[in-house]
Amino acid sequence: ERGAVELKKNEFQGELQKQREQIDKIQSLHSFQ
């Protein structure tokens, strides 16, 4: 169960990182525009 929880946590952290990168790209594009 700990292993499964750790795996889920890592998946969520990866998804969170992707979303942060998308936000950064959108903000950069908005600033440029």
PDB file of all heavy atoms in Angstrom:
ATOM      1  N   GLU A   1       0.831  -1.205   0.000  1.00  0.00           N
ATOM      2  CA  GLU A   1       0.000   0.000   0.000  1.00  0.00           C
ATOM      3  C   GLU A   1       0.867   1.257   0.000  1.00  0.00           C
ATOM      4  O   GLU A   1       0.569   2.220  -0.707  1.00  0.00           O
ATOM      5  CB  GLU A   1      -0.943   0.003   1.200  1.00  0.00           C
ATOM      6  CG  GLU A   1      -2.070  -1.007   1.076  1.00  0.00           C
ATOM      7  CD  GLU A   1      -2.923  -1.093   2.336  1.00  0.00           C
ATOM      8  OE1 GLU A   1      -2.725  -0.278   3.259  1.00  0.00           O
ATOM      9  OE2 GLU A   1      -3.788  -1.986   2.392  1.00  0.00           O
ATOM     10  N   ARG A   2       1.942   1.232   0.771  1.00  0.00           N
ATOM     11  CA  ARG A   2       2.867   2.371   0.789  1.00  0.00           C
ATOM     12  C   ARG A   2       3.469   2.574  -0.594  1.00  0.00           C
ATOM     13  O   ARG A   2       3.608   3.690  -1.067  1.00  0.00           O
ATOM     14  CB  ARG A   2       3.978   2.150   1.818  1.00  0.00           C
ATOM     15  CG  ARG A   2       3.658   2.692   3.184  1.00  0.00           C
ATOM     16  CD  ARG A   2       4.894   2.808   4.050  1.00  0.00           C
ATOM     17  NE  ARG A   2       5.715   1.599   4.088  1.00  0.00           N
ATOM     18  CZ  ARG A   2       5.586   0.609   4.957  1.00  0.00           C
ATOM     19  NH1 ARG A   2       4.648   0.663   5.882  1.00  0.00           N
ATOM     20  NH2 ARG A   2       6.388  -0.437   4.919  1.00  0.00           N
ATOM     21  N   GLY A   3       3.829   1.478  -1.235  1.00  0.00           N
ATOM     22  CA  GLY A   3       4.387   1.559  -2.585  1.00  0.00           C
ATOM     23  C   GLY A   3       3.386   2.149  -3.568  1.00  0.00           C
ATOM     24  O   GLY A   3       3.736   2.985  -4.405  1.00  0.00           O
ATOM     25  N   ALA A   4       2.120   1.727  -3.448  1.00  0.00           N
ATOM     26  CA  ALA A   4       1.076   2.246  -4.336  1.00  0.00           C
ATOM     27  C   ALA A   4       0.842   3.735  -4.087  1.00  0.00           C
ATOM     28  O   ALA A   4       0.679   4.514  -5.029  1.00  0.00           O
ATOM     29  CB  ALA A   4      -0.219   1.457  -4.143  1.00  0.00           C
ATOM     30  N   VAL A   5       0.838   4.116  -2.817  1.00  0.00           N
ATOM     31  CA  VAL A   5       0.663   5.528  -2.463  1.00  0.00           C
ATOM     32  C   VAL A   5       1.836   6.349  -3.004  1.00  0.00           C
ATOM     33  O   VAL A   5       1.649   7.438  -3.563  1.00  0.00           O
ATOM     34  CB  VAL A   5       0.523   5.698  -0.932  1.00  0.00           C
ATOM     35  CG1 VAL A   5       0.644   7.155  -0.527  1.00  0.00           C
ATOM     36  CG2 VAL A   5      -0.801   5.114  -0.454  1.00  0.00           C
ATOM     37  N   GLU A   6       3.032   5.837  -2.864  1.00  0.00           N
ATOM     38  CA  GLU A   6       4.225   6.532  -3.373  1.00  0.00           C
ATOM     39  C   GLU A   6       4.150   6.688  -4.889  1.00  0.00           C
ATOM     40  O   GLU A   6       4.482   7.742  -5.435  1.00  0.00           O
ATOM     41  CB  GLU A   6       5.479   5.757  -2.966  1.00  0.00           C
ATOM     42  CG  GLU A   6       6.781   6.461  -3.272  1.00  0.00           C
ATOM     43  CD  GLU A   6       7.022   7.693  -2.424  1.00  0.00           C
ATOM     44  OE1 GLU A   6       6.472   7.788  -1.308  1.00  0.00           O
ATOM     45  OE2 GLU A   6       7.756   8.581  -2.894  1.00  0.00           O
ATOM     46  N   LEU A   7       3.695   5.651  -5.561  1.00  0.00           N
ATOM     47  CA  LEU A   7       3.559   5.695  -7.017  1.00  0.00           C
ATOM     48  C   LEU A   7       2.534   6.759  -7.420  1.00  0.00           C
ATOM     49  O   LEU A   7       2.784   7.558  -8.332  1.00  0.00           O
ATOM     50  CB  LEU A   7       3.130   4.314  -7.539  1.00  0.00           C
ATOM     51  CG  LEU A   7       3.088   4.149  -9.053  1.00  0.00           C
ATOM     52  CD1 LEU A   7       4.470   4.333  -9.652  1.00  0.00           C
ATOM     53  CD2 LEU A   7       2.539   2.772  -9.398  1.00  0.00           C
ATOM     54  N   LYS A   8       1.398   6.802  -6.749  1.00  0.00           N
ATOM     55  CA  LYS A   8       0.376   7.812  -7.035  1.00  0.00           C
ATOM     56  C   LYS A   8       0.920   9.211  -6.772  1.00  0.00           C
ATOM     57  O   LYS A   8       0.679  10.146  -7.542  1.00  0.00           O
ATOM     58  CB  LYS A   8      -0.870   7.584  -6.178  1.00  0.00           C
ATOM     59  CG  LYS A   8      -1.837   6.615  -6.757  1.00  0.00           C
ATOM     60  CD  LYS A   8      -2.508   7.238  -7.968  1.00  0.00           C
ATOM     61  CE  LYS A   8      -3.578   6.313  -8.487  1.00  0.00           C
ATOM     62  NZ  LYS A   8      -3.952   6.613  -9.848  1.00  0.00           N
ATOM     63  N   LYS A   9       1.639   9.358  -5.667  1.00  0.00           N
ATOM     64  CA  LYS A   9       2.217  10.659  -5.332  1.00  0.00           C
ATOM     65  C   LYS A   9       3.151  11.122  -6.445  1.00  0.00           C
ATOM     66  O   LYS A   9       3.107  12.274  -6.874  1.00  0.00           O
ATOM     67  CB  LYS A   9       2.983  10.578  -4.006  1.00  0.00           C
ATOM     68  CG  LYS A   9       3.568  11.914  -3.559  1.00  0.00           C
ATOM     69  CD  LYS A   9       4.450  11.753  -2.342  1.00  0.00           C
ATOM     70  CE  LYS A   9       5.844  11.524  -2.842  1.00  0.00           C
ATOM     71  NZ  LYS A   9       6.892  11.554  -1.880  1.00  0.00           N
ATOM     72  N   ASN A  10       3.976  10.219  -6.938  1.00  0.00           N
ATOM     73  CA  ASN A  10       4.903  10.564  -8.013  1.00  0.00           C
ATOM     74  C   ASN A  10       4.162  10.932  -9.295  1.00  0.00           C
ATOM     75  O   ASN A  10       4.556  11.861 -10.009  1.00  0.00           O
ATOM     76  CB  ASN A  10       5.870   9.414  -8.281  1.00  0.00           C
ATOM     77  CG  ASN A  10       6.855   9.214  -7.146  1.00  0.00           C
ATOM     78  OD1 ASN A  10       7.081  10.113  -6.342  1.00  0.00           O
ATOM     79  ND2 ASN A  10       7.426   8.030  -7.060  1.00  0.00           N
ATOM     80  N   GLU A  11       3.071  10.216  -9.583  1.00  0.00           N
ATOM     81  CA  GLU A  11       2.252  10.548 -10.762  1.00  0.00           C
ATOM     82  C   GLU A  11       1.664  11.945 -10.628  1.00  0.00           C
ATOM     83  O   GLU A  11       1.697  12.738 -11.577  1.00  0.00           O
ATOM     84  CB  GLU A  11       1.122   9.531 -10.928  1.00  0.00           C
ATOM     85  CG  GLU A  11       1.571   8.171 -11.415  1.00  0.00           C
ATOM     86  CD  GLU A  11       0.412   7.174 -11.478  1.00  0.00           C
ATOM     87  OE1 GLU A  11      -0.764   7.605 -11.493  1.00  0.00           O
ATOM     88  OE2 GLU A  11       0.689   5.961 -11.504  1.00  0.00           O
ATOM     89  N   PHE A  12       1.128  12.249  -9.456  1.00  0.00           N
ATOM     90  CA  PHE A  12       0.541  13.565  -9.235  1.00  0.00           C
ATOM     91  C   PHE A  12       1.600  14.661  -9.317  1.00  0.00           C
ATOM     92  O   PHE A  12       1.350  15.735  -9.866  1.00  0.00           O
ATOM     93  CB  PHE A  12      -0.179  13.623  -7.884  1.00  0.00           C
ATOM     94  CG  PHE A  12      -1.496  12.906  -7.864  1.00  0.00           C
ATOM     95  CD1 PHE A  12      -1.833  12.084  -6.801  1.00  0.00           C
ATOM     96  CD2 PHE A  12      -2.409  13.060  -8.901  1.00  0.00           C
ATOM     97  CE1 PHE A  12      -3.049  11.428  -6.776  1.00  0.00           C
ATOM     98  CE2 PHE A  12      -3.628  12.401  -8.879  1.00  0.00           C
ATOM     99  CZ  PHE A  12      -3.956  11.580  -7.812  1.00  0.00           C
ATOM    100  N   GLN A  13       2.777  14.397  -8.785  1.00  0.00           N
ATOM    101  CA  GLN A  13       3.849  15.390  -8.861  1.00  0.00           C
ATOM    102  C   GLN A  13       4.265  15.634 -10.306  1.00  0.00           C
ATOM    103  O   GLN A  13       4.526  16.765 -10.705  1.00  0.00           O
ATOM    104  CB  GLN A  13       5.054  14.950  -8.018  1.00  0.00           C
ATOM    105  CG  GLN A  13       4.824  15.103  -6.531  1.00  0.00           C
ATOM    106  CD  GLN A  13       5.985  14.587  -5.695  1.00  0.00           C
ATOM    107  OE1 GLN A  13       6.750  13.725  -6.121  1.00  0.00           O
ATOM    108  NE2 GLN A  13       6.103  15.117  -4.489  1.00  0.00           N
ATOM    109  N   GLY A  14       4.311  14.573 -11.094  1.00  0.00           N
ATOM    110  CA  GLY A  14       4.635  14.717 -12.515  1.00  0.00           C
ATOM    111  C   GLY A  14       3.581  15.537 -13.240  1.00  0.00           C
ATOM    112  O   GLY A  14       3.903  16.419 -14.044  1.00  0.00           O
ATOM    113  N   GLU A  15       2.323  15.265 -12.959  1.00  0.00           N
ATOM    114  CA  GLU A  15       1.228  16.014 -13.578  1.00  0.00           C
ATOM    115  C   GLU A  15       1.269  17.477 -13.143  1.00  0.00           C
ATOM    116  O   GLU A  15       1.060  18.384 -13.951  1.00  0.00           O
ATOM    117  CB  GLU A  15      -0.114  15.382 -13.202  1.00  0.00           C
ATOM    118  CG  GLU A  15      -1.297  15.967 -13.906  1.00  0.00           C
ATOM    119  CD  GLU A  15      -1.259  15.794 -15.422  1.00  0.00           C
ATOM    120  OE1 GLU A  15      -0.717  14.777 -15.905  1.00  0.00           O
ATOM    121  OE2 GLU A  15      -1.763  16.689 -16.118  1.00  0.00           O
ATOM    122  N   LEU A  16       1.539  17.700 -11.875  1.00  0.00           N
ATOM    123  CA  LEU A  16       1.642  19.062 -11.356  1.00  0.00           C
ATOM    124  C   LEU A  16       2.767  19.816 -12.055  1.00  0.00           C
ATOM    125  O   LEU A  16       2.611  20.984 -12.435  1.00  0.00           O
ATOM    126  CB  LEU A  16       1.870  19.023  -9.844  1.00  0.00           C
ATOM    127  CG  LEU A  16       1.911  20.350  -9.112  1.00  0.00           C
ATOM    128  CD1 LEU A  16       0.593  21.097  -9.275  1.00  0.00           C
ATOM    129  CD2 LEU A  16       2.226  20.127  -7.645  1.00  0.00           C
ATOM    130  N   GLN A  17       3.888  19.158 -12.248  1.00  0.00           N
ATOM    131  CA  GLN A  17       5.014  19.783 -12.937  1.00  0.00           C
ATOM    132  C   GLN A  17       4.645  20.138 -14.379  1.00  0.00           C
ATOM    133  O   GLN A  17       4.972  21.220 -14.864  1.00  0.00           O
ATOM    134  CB  GLN A  17       6.246  18.867 -12.913  1.00  0.00           C
ATOM    135  CG  GLN A  17       7.471  19.488 -13.530  1.00  0.00           C
ATOM    136  CD  GLN A  17       7.920  20.754 -12.841  1.00  0.00           C
ATOM    137  OE1 GLN A  17       7.754  20.925 -11.632  1.00  0.00           O
ATOM    138  NE2 GLN A  17       8.460  21.677 -13.611  1.00  0.00           N
ATOM    139  N   LYS A  18       3.941  19.255 -15.071  1.00  0.00           N
ATOM    140  CA  LYS A  18       3.491  19.535 -16.447  1.00  0.00           C
ATOM    141  C   LYS A  18       2.584  20.762 -16.474  1.00  0.00           C
ATOM    142  O   LYS A  18       2.712  21.622 -17.348  1.00  0.00           O
ATOM    143  CB  LYS A  18       2.723  18.341 -17.017  1.00  0.00           C
ATOM    144  CG  LYS A  18       3.581  17.180 -17.426  1.00  0.00           C
ATOM    145  CD  LYS A  18       2.690  16.070 -17.997  1.00  0.00           C
ATOM    146  CE  LYS A  18       3.443  14.776 -18.184  1.00  0.00           C
ATOM    147  NZ  LYS A  18       2.559  13.692 -18.646  1.00  0.00           N
ATOM    148  N   GLN A  19       1.673  20.838 -15.514  1.00  0.00           N
ATOM    149  CA  GLN A  19       0.754  21.968 -15.466  1.00  0.00           C
ATOM    150  C   GLN A  19       1.499  23.267 -15.173  1.00  0.00           C
ATOM    151  O   GLN A  19       1.168  24.309 -15.752  1.00  0.00           O
ATOM    152  CB  GLN A  19      -0.339  21.712 -14.434  1.00  0.00           C
ATOM    153  CG  GLN A  19      -1.304  20.626 -14.862  1.00  0.00           C
ATOM    154  CD  GLN A  19      -2.326  20.278 -13.801  1.00  0.00           C
ATOM    155  OE1 GLN A  19      -2.281  20.772 -12.676  1.00  0.00           O
ATOM    156  NE2 GLN A  19      -3.261  19.399 -14.145  1.00  0.00           N
ATOM    157  N   ARG A  20       2.486  23.213 -14.301  1.00  0.00           N
ATOM    158  CA  ARG A  20       3.293  24.411 -14.019  1.00  0.00           C
ATOM    159  C   ARG A  20       4.029  24.867 -15.276  1.00  0.00           C
ATOM    160  O   ARG A  20       4.114  26.066 -15.550  1.00  0.00           O
ATOM    161  CB  ARG A  20       4.298  24.136 -12.901  1.00  0.00           C
ATOM    162  CG  ARG A  20       3.671  24.092 -11.540  1.00  0.00           C
ATOM    163  CD  ARG A  20       4.710  23.892 -10.459  1.00  0.00           C
ATOM    164  NE  ARG A  20       4.105  23.896  -9.153  1.00  0.00           N
ATOM    165  CZ  ARG A  20       4.451  23.101  -8.171  1.00  0.00           C
ATOM    166  NH1 ARG A  20       5.429  22.225  -8.339  1.00  0.00           N
ATOM    167  NH2 ARG A  20       3.852  23.173  -7.002  1.00  0.00           N
ATOM    168  N   GLU A  21       4.562  23.917 -16.029  1.00  0.00           N
ATOM    169  CA  GLU A  21       5.263  24.252 -17.268  1.00  0.00           C
ATOM    170  C   GLU A  21       4.300  24.872 -18.281  1.00  0.00           C
ATOM    171  O   GLU A  21       4.655  25.822 -18.981  1.00  0.00           O
ATOM    172  CB  GLU A  21       5.949  23.017 -17.848  1.00  0.00           C
ATOM    173  CG  GLU A  21       7.134  22.556 -17.034  1.00  0.00           C
ATOM    174  CD  GLU A  21       7.663  21.186 -17.439  1.00  0.00           C
ATOM    175  OE1 GLU A  21       7.159  20.596 -18.413  1.00  0.00           O
ATOM    176  OE2 GLU A  21       8.604  20.713 -16.776  1.00  0.00           O
ATOM    177  N   GLN A  22       3.079  24.339 -18.366  1.00  0.00           N
ATOM    178  CA  GLN A  22       2.076  24.909 -19.266  1.00  0.00           C
ATOM    179  C   GLN A  22       1.725  26.331 -18.857  1.00  0.00           C
ATOM    180  O   GLN A  22       1.598  27.217 -19.705  1.00  0.00           O
ATOM    181  CB  GLN A  22       0.810  24.047 -19.278  1.00  0.00           C
ATOM    182  CG  GLN A  22       0.971  22.743 -20.025  1.00  0.00           C
ATOM    183  CD  GLN A  22      -0.290  21.877 -19.941  1.00  0.00           C
ATOM    184  OE1 GLN A  22      -1.056  21.968 -18.979  1.00  0.00           O
ATOM    185  NE2 GLN A  22      -0.494  21.045 -20.952  1.00  0.00           N
ATOM    186  N   ILE A  23       1.581  26.560 -17.569  1.00  0.00           N
ATOM    187  CA  ILE A  23       1.278  27.903 -17.061  1.00  0.00           C
ATOM    188  C   ILE A  23       2.415  28.854 -17.414  1.00  0.00           C
ATOM    189  O   ILE A  23       2.176  29.982 -17.870  1.00  0.00           O
ATOM    190  CB  ILE A  23       1.020  27.880 -15.543  1.00  0.00           C
ATOM    191  CG1 ILE A  23      -0.324  27.219 -15.258  1.00  0.00           C
ATOM    192  CG2 ILE A  23       1.057  29.294 -14.957  1.00  0.00           C
ATOM    193  CD1 ILE A  23      -0.580  26.927 -13.791  1.00  0.00           C
ATOM    194  N   ASP A  24       3.647  28.413 -17.235  1.00  0.00           N
ATOM    195  CA  ASP A  24       4.803  29.254 -17.578  1.00  0.00           C
ATOM    196  C   ASP A  24       4.804  29.610 -19.062  1.00  0.00           C
ATOM    197  O   ASP A  24       5.068  30.754 -19.439  1.00  0.00           O
ATOM    198  CB  ASP A  24       6.114  28.560 -17.207  1.00  0.00           C
ATOM    199  CG  ASP A  24       6.346  28.487 -15.708  1.00  0.00           C
ATOM    200  OD1 ASP A  24       5.659  29.236 -14.957  1.00  0.00           O
ATOM    201  OD2 ASP A  24       7.202  27.695 -15.275  1.00  0.00           O
ATOM    202  N   LYS A  25       4.508  28.633 -19.919  1.00  0.00           N
ATOM    203  CA  LYS A  25       4.463  28.894 -21.368  1.00  0.00           C
ATOM    204  C   LYS A  25       3.364  29.886 -21.703  1.00  0.00           C
ATOM    205  O   LYS A  25       3.566  30.811 -22.505  1.00  0.00           O
ATOM    206  CB  LYS A  25       4.237  27.589 -22.135  1.00  0.00           C
ATOM    207  CG  LYS A  25       5.442  26.692 -22.188  1.00  0.00           C
ATOM    208  CD  LYS A  25       5.131  25.406 -22.951  1.00  0.00           C
ATOM    209  CE  LYS A  25       6.301  24.449 -22.896  1.00  0.00           C
ATOM    210  NZ  LYS A  25       6.011  23.170 -23.571  1.00  0.00           N
ATOM    211  N   ILE A  26       2.196  29.711 -21.094  1.00  0.00           N
ATOM    212  CA  ILE A  26       1.073  30.615 -21.354  1.00  0.00           C
ATOM    213  C   ILE A  26       1.410  32.028 -20.889  1.00  0.00           C
ATOM    214  O   ILE A  26       1.144  33.010 -21.596  1.00  0.00           O
ATOM    215  CB  ILE A  26      -0.213  30.095 -20.677  1.00  0.00           C
ATOM    216  CG1 ILE A  26      -0.693  28.816 -21.383  1.00  0.00           C
ATOM    217  CG2 ILE A  26      -1.313  31.160 -20.674  1.00  0.00           C
ATOM    218  CD1 ILE A  26      -1.766  28.062 -20.632  1.00  0.00           C
ATOM    219  N   GLN A  27       2.012  32.147 -19.709  1.00  0.00           N
ATOM    220  CA  GLN A  27       2.385  33.467 -19.201  1.00  0.00           C
ATOM    221  C   GLN A  27       3.430  34.122 -20.094  1.00  0.00           C
ATOM    222  O   GLN A  27       3.360  35.325 -20.373  1.00  0.00           O
ATOM    223  CB  GLN A  27       2.913  33.359 -17.767  1.00  0.00           C
ATOM    224  CG  GLN A  27       1.832  33.106 -16.750  1.00  0.00           C
ATOM    225  CD  GLN A  27       2.373  32.916 -15.347  1.00  0.00           C
ATOM    226  OE1 GLN A  27       3.469  32.414 -15.143  1.00  0.00           O
ATOM    227  NE2 GLN A  27       1.590  33.310 -14.359  1.00  0.00           N
ATOM    228  N   SER A  28       4.381  33.344 -20.554  1.00  0.00           N
ATOM    229  CA  SER A  28       5.412  33.875 -21.436  1.00  0.00           C
ATOM    230  C   SER A  28       4.808  34.364 -22.745  1.00  0.00           C
ATOM    231  O   SER A  28       5.125  35.455 -23.238  1.00  0.00           O
ATOM    232  CB  SER A  28       6.464  32.797 -21.693  1.00  0.00           C
ATOM    233  OG  SER A  28       7.463  33.277 -22.560  1.00  0.00           O
ATOM    234  N   LEU A  29       3.920  33.568 -23.326  1.00  0.00           N
ATOM    235  CA  LEU A  29       3.254  33.952 -24.566  1.00  0.00           C
ATOM    236  C   LEU A  29       2.412  35.206 -24.359  1.00  0.00           C
ATOM    237  O   LEU A  29       2.418  36.125 -25.190  1.00  0.00           O
ATOM    238  CB  LEU A  29       2.389  32.800 -25.076  1.00  0.00           C
ATOM    239  CG  LEU A  29       1.608  33.069 -26.358  1.00  0.00           C
ATOM    240  CD1 LEU A  29       2.535  33.395 -27.519  1.00  0.00           C
ATOM    241  CD2 LEU A  29       0.735  31.863 -26.704  1.00  0.00           C
ATOM    242  N   HIS A  30       1.701  35.258 -23.254  1.00  0.00           N
ATOM    243  CA  HIS A  30       0.870  36.424 -22.956  1.00  0.00           C
ATOM    244  C   HIS A  30       1.733  37.683 -22.828  1.00  0.00           C
ATOM    245  O   HIS A  30       1.390  38.737 -23.387  1.00  0.00           O
ATOM    246  CB  HIS A  30       0.074  36.191 -21.669  1.00  0.00           C
ATOM    247  CG  HIS A  30      -0.752  37.358 -21.251  1.00  0.00           C
ATOM    248  ND1 HIS A  30      -1.878  37.759 -21.920  1.00  0.00           N
ATOM    249  CD2 HIS A  30      -0.586  38.234 -20.232  1.00  0.00           C
ATOM    250  CE1 HIS A  30      -2.383  38.831 -21.331  1.00  0.00           C
ATOM    251  NE2 HIS A  30      -1.618  39.134 -20.309  1.00  0.00           N
ATOM    252  N   SER A  31       2.852  37.580 -22.142  1.00  0.00           N
ATOM    253  CA  SER A  31       3.754  38.726 -21.989  1.00  0.00           C
ATOM    254  C   SER A  31       4.261  39.190 -23.346  1.00  0.00           C
ATOM    255  O   SER A  31       4.313  40.391 -23.630  1.00  0.00           O
ATOM    256  CB  SER A  31       4.932  38.364 -21.083  1.00  0.00           C
ATOM    257  OG  SER A  31       4.496  38.141 -19.772  1.00  0.00           O
ATOM    258  N   PHE A  32       4.638  38.243 -24.187  1.00  0.00           N
ATOM    259  CA  PHE A  32       5.128  38.565 -25.526  1.00  0.00           C
ATOM    260  C   PHE A  32       4.049  39.283 -26.324  1.00  0.00           C
ATOM    261  O   PHE A  32       4.304  40.306 -26.984  1.00  0.00           O
ATOM    262  CB  PHE A  32       5.564  37.279 -26.231  1.00  0.00           C
ATOM    263  CG  PHE A  32       6.032  37.473 -27.641  1.00  0.00           C
ATOM    264  CD1 PHE A  32       7.263  38.044 -27.901  1.00  0.00           C
ATOM    265  CD2 PHE A  32       5.231  37.085 -28.707  1.00  0.00           C
ATOM    266  CE1 PHE A  32       7.699  38.235 -29.204  1.00  0.00           C
ATOM    267  CE2 PHE A  32       5.649  37.275 -30.010  1.00  0.00           C
ATOM    268  CZ  PHE A  32       6.889  37.849 -30.267  1.00  0.00           C
ATOM    269  N   GLN A  33       2.819  38.781 -26.270  1.00  0.00           N
ATOM    270  CA  GLN A  33       1.718  39.398 -27.001  1.00  0.00           C
ATOM    271  C   GLN A  33       1.421  40.803 -26.476  1.00  0.00           C
ATOM    272  O   GLN A  33       1.143  41.718 -27.259  1.00  0.00           O
ATOM    273  CB  GLN A  33       0.468  38.522 -26.913  1.00  0.00           C
ATOM    274  CG  GLN A  33       0.577  37.237 -27.713  1.00  0.00           C
ATOM    275  CD  GLN A  33      -0.585  36.284 -27.460  1.00  0.00           C
ATOM    276  OE1 GLN A  33      -1.235  36.335 -26.426  1.00  0.00           O
ATOM    277  NE2 GLN A  33      -0.835  35.401 -28.414  1.00  0.00           N
TER     278      GLN A  33
END
